[in-house]
Amino acid sequence: MNHIKSTISKILLLAVTTLSLTMFSSQASATSEEELQKTSAIALQQLYKTNPTAEVIGKSARAILIFPSIVKAGFVFGGAYGEGVLNKGSQFAGYYNSVSASWGWQIGAESYGYVVFLMNDKAIKYLDKSQGWEIGVGPTVVVVNEGVAKNLSSTTLKDDAYAFIFDQKGLMVSLSIEGTKISRIKH
């Protein structure tokens, strides 16, 4: 009986890993420069329409990192990948990727987008000069949920960066240790 359970677990792990790699590789190669800039602009406008606080913060931000689609999958071990753009003011300033790895109690797959509003020169310099920004190291990033959003206004913005997650699709059940790294890429 234990042998059967072990075999089933190995098959499930292999299936989820294969699915994850397939989704990540198709996500990574499917986006042209024009397409990525266009989907990023649409995603930002979508966020603004659904979350007025994001638009208020966007008007005060010195730069905005936009990741329109992140794909995440896992079964004990997991990962997420997506590509996005950096805008400084109304000017395009570069391509970036978002990569995370996780382990722990998790199963499933989902996609989502996220936007990081960089509020000051310290955050922008850190992103420009680091070999990749590991969220949780360096400038302070506040992940904005509905509770946090109610207390934010243009006069209460004190942190280095604010992140909004949006457009979640799929089912991912996880309690995991996760680290996200944002790095500049040549596209």
C-alpha atoms as a PDB file:
ATOM      1  CA  MET A   1       0.000   0.000   0.000  1.00  0.00           C
ATOM      2  CA  ASN A   2       2.841   2.442   0.847  1.00  0.00           C
ATOM      3  CA  HIS A   3       4.470   1.539  -2.472  1.00  0.00           C
ATOM      4  CA  ILE A   4       1.286   2.533  -4.353  1.00  0.00           C
ATOM      5  CA  LYS A   5       1.021   5.850  -2.470  1.00  0.00           C
ATOM      6  CA  SER A   6       4.682   6.578  -3.189  1.00  0.00           C
ATOM      7  CA  THR A   7       4.238   5.823  -6.887  1.00  0.00           C
ATOM      8  CA  ILE A   8       1.122   8.013  -7.136  1.00  0.00           C
ATOM      9  CA  SER A   9       2.934  10.866  -5.369  1.00  0.00           C
ATOM     10  CA  LYS A  10       5.859  10.617  -7.785  1.00  0.00           C
ATOM     11  CA  ILE A  11       3.529  10.626 -10.801  1.00  0.00           C
ATOM     12  CA  LEU A  12       1.668  13.689  -9.487  1.00  0.00           C
ATOM     13  CA  LEU A  13       4.935  15.508  -8.789  1.00  0.00           C
ATOM     14  CA  LEU A  14       6.188  14.722 -12.296  1.00  0.00           C
ATOM     15  CA  ALA A  15       2.895  15.892 -13.866  1.00  0.00           C
ATOM     16  CA  VAL A  16       2.845  19.179 -11.945  1.00  0.00           C
ATOM     17  CA  THR A  17       6.523  19.820 -12.667  1.00  0.00           C
ATOM     18  CA  THR A  18       6.004  19.157 -16.387  1.00  0.00           C
ATOM     19  CA  LEU A  19       2.939  21.425 -16.458  1.00  0.00           C
ATOM     20  CA  SER A  20       4.846  24.152 -14.609  1.00  0.00           C
ATOM     21  CA  LEU A  21       7.801  24.037 -16.968  1.00  0.00           C
ATOM     22  CA  THR A  22       5.504  24.066 -19.996  1.00  0.00           C
ATOM     23  CA  MET A  23       3.610  27.108 -18.720  1.00  0.00           C
ATOM     24  CA  PHE A  24       6.808  28.952 -17.777  1.00  0.00           C
ATOM     25  CA  SER A  25       8.547  28.293 -21.090  1.00  0.00           C
ATOM     26  CA  SER A  26       5.521  29.298 -23.169  1.00  0.00           C
ATOM     27  CA  GLN A  27       5.087  32.448 -21.031  1.00  0.00           C
ATOM     28  CA  ALA A  28       8.759  33.324 -21.400  1.00  0.00           C
ATOM     29  CA  SER A  29       8.918  32.977 -25.176  1.00  0.00           C
ATOM     30  CA  ALA A  30       5.444  34.181 -26.199  1.00  0.00           C
ATOM     31  CA  THR A  31       5.843  37.880 -25.566  1.00  0.00           C
ATOM     32  CA  SER A  32       7.362  40.308 -28.067  1.00  0.00           C
ATOM     33  CA  GLU A  33       8.573  43.758 -27.001  1.00  0.00           C
ATOM     34  CA  GLU A  34       5.533  45.515 -28.477  1.00  0.00           C
ATOM     35  CA  GLU A  35       3.158  42.950 -27.005  1.00  0.00           C
ATOM     36  CA  LEU A  36       4.726  43.256 -23.545  1.00  0.00           C
ATOM     37  CA  GLN A  37       4.538  47.055 -23.580  1.00  0.00           C
ATOM     38  CA  LYS A  38       0.930  46.945 -24.786  1.00  0.00           C
ATOM     39  CA  THR A  39      -0.247  44.313 -22.265  1.00  0.00           C
ATOM     40  CA  SER A  40       1.544  46.195 -19.485  1.00  0.00           C
ATOM     41  CA  ALA A  41      -0.247  49.450 -20.356  1.00  0.00           C
ATOM     42  CA  ILE A  42      -3.598  47.635 -20.475  1.00  0.00           C
ATOM     43  CA  ALA A  43      -2.911  45.897 -17.143  1.00  0.00           C
ATOM     44  CA  LEU A  44      -2.061  49.206 -15.453  1.00  0.00           C
ATOM     45  CA  GLN A  45      -5.269  50.809 -16.742  1.00  0.00           C
ATOM     46  CA  GLN A  46      -7.236  47.749 -15.560  1.00  0.00           C
ATOM     47  CA  LEU A  47      -5.726  48.111 -12.090  1.00  0.00           C
ATOM     48  CA  TYR A  48      -6.579  51.818 -12.015  1.00  0.00           C
ATOM     49  CA  LYS A  49     -10.199  51.096 -12.980  1.00  0.00           C
ATOM     50  CA  THR A  50     -10.658  48.490 -10.258  1.00  0.00           C
ATOM     51  CA  ASN A  51      -8.609  50.183  -7.543  1.00  0.00           C
ATOM     52  CA  PRO A  52      -8.757  53.999  -7.255  1.00  0.00           C
ATOM     53  CA  THR A  53      -6.050  53.965  -4.561  1.00  0.00           C
ATOM     54  CA  ALA A  54      -3.614  52.495  -7.084  1.00  0.00           C
ATOM     55  CA  GLU A  55      -4.291  55.400  -9.422  1.00  0.00           C
ATOM     56  CA  VAL A  56      -3.664  57.930  -6.633  1.00  0.00           C
ATOM     57  CA  ILE A  57      -0.366  56.237  -5.806  1.00  0.00           C
ATOM     58  CA  GLY A  58       0.508  55.994  -9.513  1.00  0.00           C
ATOM     59  CA  LYS A  59       0.279  59.762  -9.868  1.00  0.00           C
ATOM     60  CA  SER A  60       2.843  60.195  -7.056  1.00  0.00           C
ATOM     61  CA  ALA A  61       5.192  57.380  -8.126  1.00  0.00           C
ATOM     62  CA  ARG A  62       8.621  58.158  -9.588  1.00  0.00           C
ATOM     63  CA  ALA A  63       8.573  54.858 -11.549  1.00  0.00           C
ATOM     64  CA  ILE A  64       6.203  51.939 -12.066  1.00  0.00           C
ATOM     65  CA  LEU A  65       7.097  48.264 -12.581  1.00  0.00           C
ATOM     66  CA  ILE A  66       4.257  46.459 -14.363  1.00  0.00           C
ATOM     67  CA  PHE A  67       4.044  42.660 -14.595  1.00  0.00           C
ATOM     68  CA  PRO A  68       0.827  41.916 -16.509  1.00  0.00           C
ATOM     69  CA  SER A  69       1.016  38.134 -16.178  1.00  0.00           C
ATOM     70  CA  ILE A  70       2.847  35.974 -13.676  1.00  0.00           C
ATOM     71  CA  VAL A  71       2.362  32.207 -13.881  1.00  0.00           C
ATOM     72  CA  LYS A  72       2.768  30.271 -10.635  1.00  0.00           C
ATOM     73  CA  ALA A  73       2.590  26.508 -10.100  1.00  0.00           C
ATOM     74  CA  GLY A  74       3.706  24.109  -7.448  1.00  0.00           C
ATOM     75  CA  PHE A  75       3.421  20.809  -5.693  1.00  0.00           C
ATOM     76  CA  VAL A  76       5.601  21.049  -2.551  1.00  0.00           C
ATOM     77  CA  PHE A  77       8.242  22.807  -4.699  1.00  0.00           C
ATOM     78  CA  GLY A  78       7.014  25.585  -6.928  1.00  0.00           C
ATOM     79  CA  GLY A  79       7.896  28.649  -8.842  1.00  0.00           C
ATOM     80  CA  ALA A  80       6.557  31.677 -10.629  1.00  0.00           C
ATOM     81  CA  TYR A  81       7.735  33.619 -13.657  1.00  0.00           C
ATOM     82  CA  GLY A  82       6.638  36.635 -15.660  1.00  0.00           C
ATOM     83  CA  GLU A  83       8.012  39.554 -17.636  1.00  0.00           C
ATOM     84  CA  GLY A  84       7.167  43.216 -17.391  1.00  0.00           C
ATOM     85  CA  VAL A  85       8.249  46.765 -18.037  1.00  0.00           C
ATOM     86  CA  LEU A  86       9.508  49.731 -16.061  1.00  0.00           C
ATOM     87  CA  ASN A  87       8.092  53.159 -16.808  1.00  0.00           C
ATOM     88  CA  LYS A  88       9.658  56.322 -15.415  1.00  0.00           C
ATOM     89  CA  GLY A  89       7.006  58.975 -15.756  1.00  0.00           C
ATOM     90  CA  SER A  90       5.433  58.375 -19.148  1.00  0.00           C
ATOM     91  CA  GLN A  91       8.706  57.020 -20.589  1.00  0.00           C
ATOM     92  CA  PHE A  92       9.526  53.339 -21.097  1.00  0.00           C
ATOM     93  CA  ALA A  93      12.728  52.523 -19.159  1.00  0.00           C
ATOM     94  CA  GLY A  94      13.402  48.799 -19.565  1.00  0.00           C
ATOM     95  CA  TYR A  95      12.283  45.185 -19.427  1.00  0.00           C
ATOM     96  CA  TYR A  96      12.302  43.124 -16.231  1.00  0.00           C
ATOM     97  CA  ASN A  97      11.428  39.637 -15.111  1.00  0.00           C
ATOM     98  CA  SER A  98       9.944  38.428 -11.869  1.00  0.00           C
ATOM     99  CA  VAL A  99      11.088  35.027 -10.630  1.00  0.00           C
ATOM    100  CA  SER A 100      10.230  33.259  -7.418  1.00  0.00           C
ATOM    101  CA  ALA A 101      10.824  29.840  -5.984  1.00  0.00           C
ATOM    102  CA  SER A 102       9.007  28.330  -3.078  1.00  0.00           C
ATOM    103  CA  TRP A 103       8.764  25.230  -1.022  1.00  0.00           C
ATOM    104  CA  GLY A 104       6.338  24.108   1.604  1.00  0.00           C
ATOM    105  CA  TRP A 105       2.739  23.075   1.728  1.00  0.00           C
ATOM    106  CA  GLN A 106       1.405  24.040  -1.719  1.00  0.00           C
ATOM    107  CA  ILE A 107      -0.411  22.596  -4.698  1.00  0.00           C
ATOM    108  CA  GLY A 108      -1.984  24.078  -7.812  1.00  0.00           C
ATOM    109  CA  ALA A 109      -1.446  26.687 -10.481  1.00  0.00           C
ATOM    110  CA  GLU A 110      -2.538  30.282 -10.971  1.00  0.00           C
ATOM    111  CA  SER A 111      -1.799  33.406 -12.909  1.00  0.00           C
ATOM    112  CA  TYR A 112      -1.938  36.990 -11.714  1.00  0.00           C
ATOM    113  CA  GLY A 113      -0.480  40.396 -12.429  1.00  0.00           C
ATOM    114  CA  TYR A 114       1.223  42.846 -10.144  1.00  0.00           C
ATOM    115  CA  VAL A 115       2.392  46.415 -10.197  1.00  0.00           C
ATOM    116  CA  VAL A 116       5.074  47.968  -7.990  1.00  0.00           C
ATOM    117  CA  PHE A 117       4.987  51.735  -7.561  1.00  0.00           C
ATOM    118  CA  LEU A 118       8.478  53.068  -6.780  1.00  0.00           C
ATOM    119  CA  MET A 119       7.943  56.208  -4.737  1.00  0.00           C
ATOM    120  CA  ASN A 120      11.414  57.688  -4.353  1.00  0.00           C
ATOM    121  CA  ASP A 121      14.901  57.863  -5.847  1.00  0.00           C
ATOM    122  CA  LYS A 122      16.215  55.394  -3.251  1.00  0.00           C
ATOM    123  CA  ALA A 123      13.966  52.626  -4.632  1.00  0.00           C
ATOM    124  CA  ILE A 124      14.782  53.462  -8.260  1.00  0.00           C
ATOM    125  CA  LYS A 125      18.547  53.573  -7.595  1.00  0.00           C
ATOM    126  CA  TYR A 126      18.381  50.235  -5.777  1.00  0.00           C
ATOM    127  CA  LEU A 127      16.559  48.639  -8.721  1.00  0.00           C
ATOM    128  CA  ASP A 128      19.021  50.157 -11.228  1.00  0.00           C
ATOM    129  CA  LYS A 129      22.201  49.301  -9.327  1.00  0.00           C
ATOM    130  CA  SER A 130      21.392  45.882  -7.832  1.00  0.00           C
ATOM    131  CA  GLN A 131      21.879  42.642  -9.715  1.00  0.00           C
ATOM    132  CA  GLY A 132      18.217  41.968  -9.035  1.00  0.00           C
ATOM    133  CA  TRP A 133      15.879  43.249  -6.380  1.00  0.00           C
ATOM    134  CA  GLU A 134      14.915  40.571  -3.912  1.00  0.00           C
ATOM    135  CA  ILE A 135      11.631  41.649  -2.393  1.00  0.00           C
ATOM    136  CA  GLY A 136      12.179  41.810   1.352  1.00  0.00           C
ATOM    137  CA  VAL A 137      15.776  43.039   0.953  1.00  0.00           C
ATOM    138  CA  GLY A 138      16.532  46.682   0.265  1.00  0.00           C
ATOM    139  CA  PRO A 139      13.788  49.295  -0.015  1.00  0.00           C
ATOM    140  CA  THR A 140      10.562  48.719   1.907  1.00  0.00           C
ATOM    141  CA  VAL A 141       7.732  47.277  -0.188  1.00  0.00           C
ATOM    142  CA  VAL A 142       4.182  47.368   1.163  1.00  0.00           C
ATOM    143  CA  VAL A 143       1.797  44.880  -0.455  1.00  0.00           C
ATOM    144  CA  VAL A 144      -1.490  46.744  -0.623  1.00  0.00           C
ATOM    145  CA  ASN A 145      -4.667  44.854   0.129  1.00  0.00           C
ATOM    146  CA  GLU A 146      -8.144  46.293   0.728  1.00  0.00           C
ATOM    147  CA  GLY A 147      -7.432  47.074   4.391  1.00  0.00           C
ATOM    148  CA  VAL A 148      -4.183  48.907   3.663  1.00  0.00           C
ATOM    149  CA  ALA A 149      -5.742  50.711   0.674  1.00  0.00           C
ATOM    150  CA  LYS A 150      -8.428  52.306   2.856  1.00  0.00           C
ATOM    151  CA  ASN A 151      -5.753  54.099   4.895  1.00  0.00           C
ATOM    152  CA  LEU A 152      -3.612  55.344   1.998  1.00  0.00           C
ATOM    153  CA  SER A 153      -3.780  58.729   0.369  1.00  0.00           C
ATOM    154  CA  SER A 154      -1.279  60.958  -1.386  1.00  0.00           C
ATOM    155  CA  THR A 155      -0.415  62.534   1.990  1.00  0.00           C
ATOM    156  CA  THR A 156       0.153  59.248   3.868  1.00  0.00           C
ATOM    157  CA  LEU A 157       2.585  57.653   1.401  1.00  0.00           C
ATOM    158  CA  LYS A 158       5.783  57.124   3.392  1.00  0.00           C
ATOM    159  CA  ASP A 159       7.242  53.827   2.155  1.00  0.00           C
ATOM    160  CA  ASP A 160       9.701  53.218  -0.702  1.00  0.00           C
ATOM    161  CA  ALA A 161       7.365  51.084  -2.818  1.00  0.00           C
ATOM    162  CA  TYR A 162       3.788  49.828  -2.938  1.00  0.00           C
ATOM    163  CA  ALA A 163       2.737  46.609  -4.701  1.00  0.00           C
ATOM    164  CA  PHE A 164      -0.743  45.698  -5.924  1.00  0.00           C
ATOM    165  CA  ILE A 165      -1.631  42.144  -6.977  1.00  0.00           C
ATOM    166  CA  PHE A 166      -4.578  41.827  -9.366  1.00  0.00           C
ATOM    167  CA  ASP A 167      -6.398  39.635 -11.874  1.00  0.00           C
ATOM    168  CA  GLN A 168      -5.854  36.343 -10.043  1.00  0.00           C
ATOM    169  CA  LYS A 169      -6.996  33.242 -11.972  1.00  0.00           C
ATOM    170  CA  GLY A 170      -6.629  29.581 -11.120  1.00  0.00           C
ATOM    171  CA  LEU A 171      -6.348  27.721  -7.877  1.00  0.00           C
ATOM    172  CA  MET A 172      -3.241  27.698  -5.746  1.00  0.00           C
ATOM    173  CA  VAL A 173      -3.301  26.469  -2.190  1.00  0.00           C
ATOM    174  CA  SER A 174      -0.066  27.349  -0.472  1.00  0.00           C
ATOM    175  CA  LEU A 175       1.644  28.094   2.777  1.00  0.00           C
ATOM    176  CA  SER A 176       5.181  28.527   1.599  1.00  0.00           C
ATOM    177  CA  ILE A 177       8.490  30.294   2.039  1.00  0.00           C
ATOM    178  CA  GLU A 178       8.765  32.480  -0.994  1.00  0.00           C
ATOM    179  CA  GLY A 179      11.220  34.973  -2.360  1.00  0.00           C
ATOM    180  CA  THR A 180      10.661  37.076  -5.457  1.00  0.00           C
ATOM    181  CA  LYS A 181      13.536  38.537  -7.416  1.00  0.00           C
ATOM    182  CA  ILE A 182      13.052  41.278  -9.995  1.00  0.00           C
ATOM    183  CA  SER A 183      15.870  41.603 -12.532  1.00  0.00           C
ATOM    184  CA  ARG A 184      16.498  43.703 -15.633  1.00  0.00           C
ATOM    185  CA  ILE A 185      16.535  41.674 -18.848  1.00  0.00           C
ATOM    186  CA  LYS A 186      17.387  42.363 -22.480  1.00  0.00           C
ATOM    187  CA  HIS A 187      14.405  41.645 -24.643  1.00  0.00           C
END
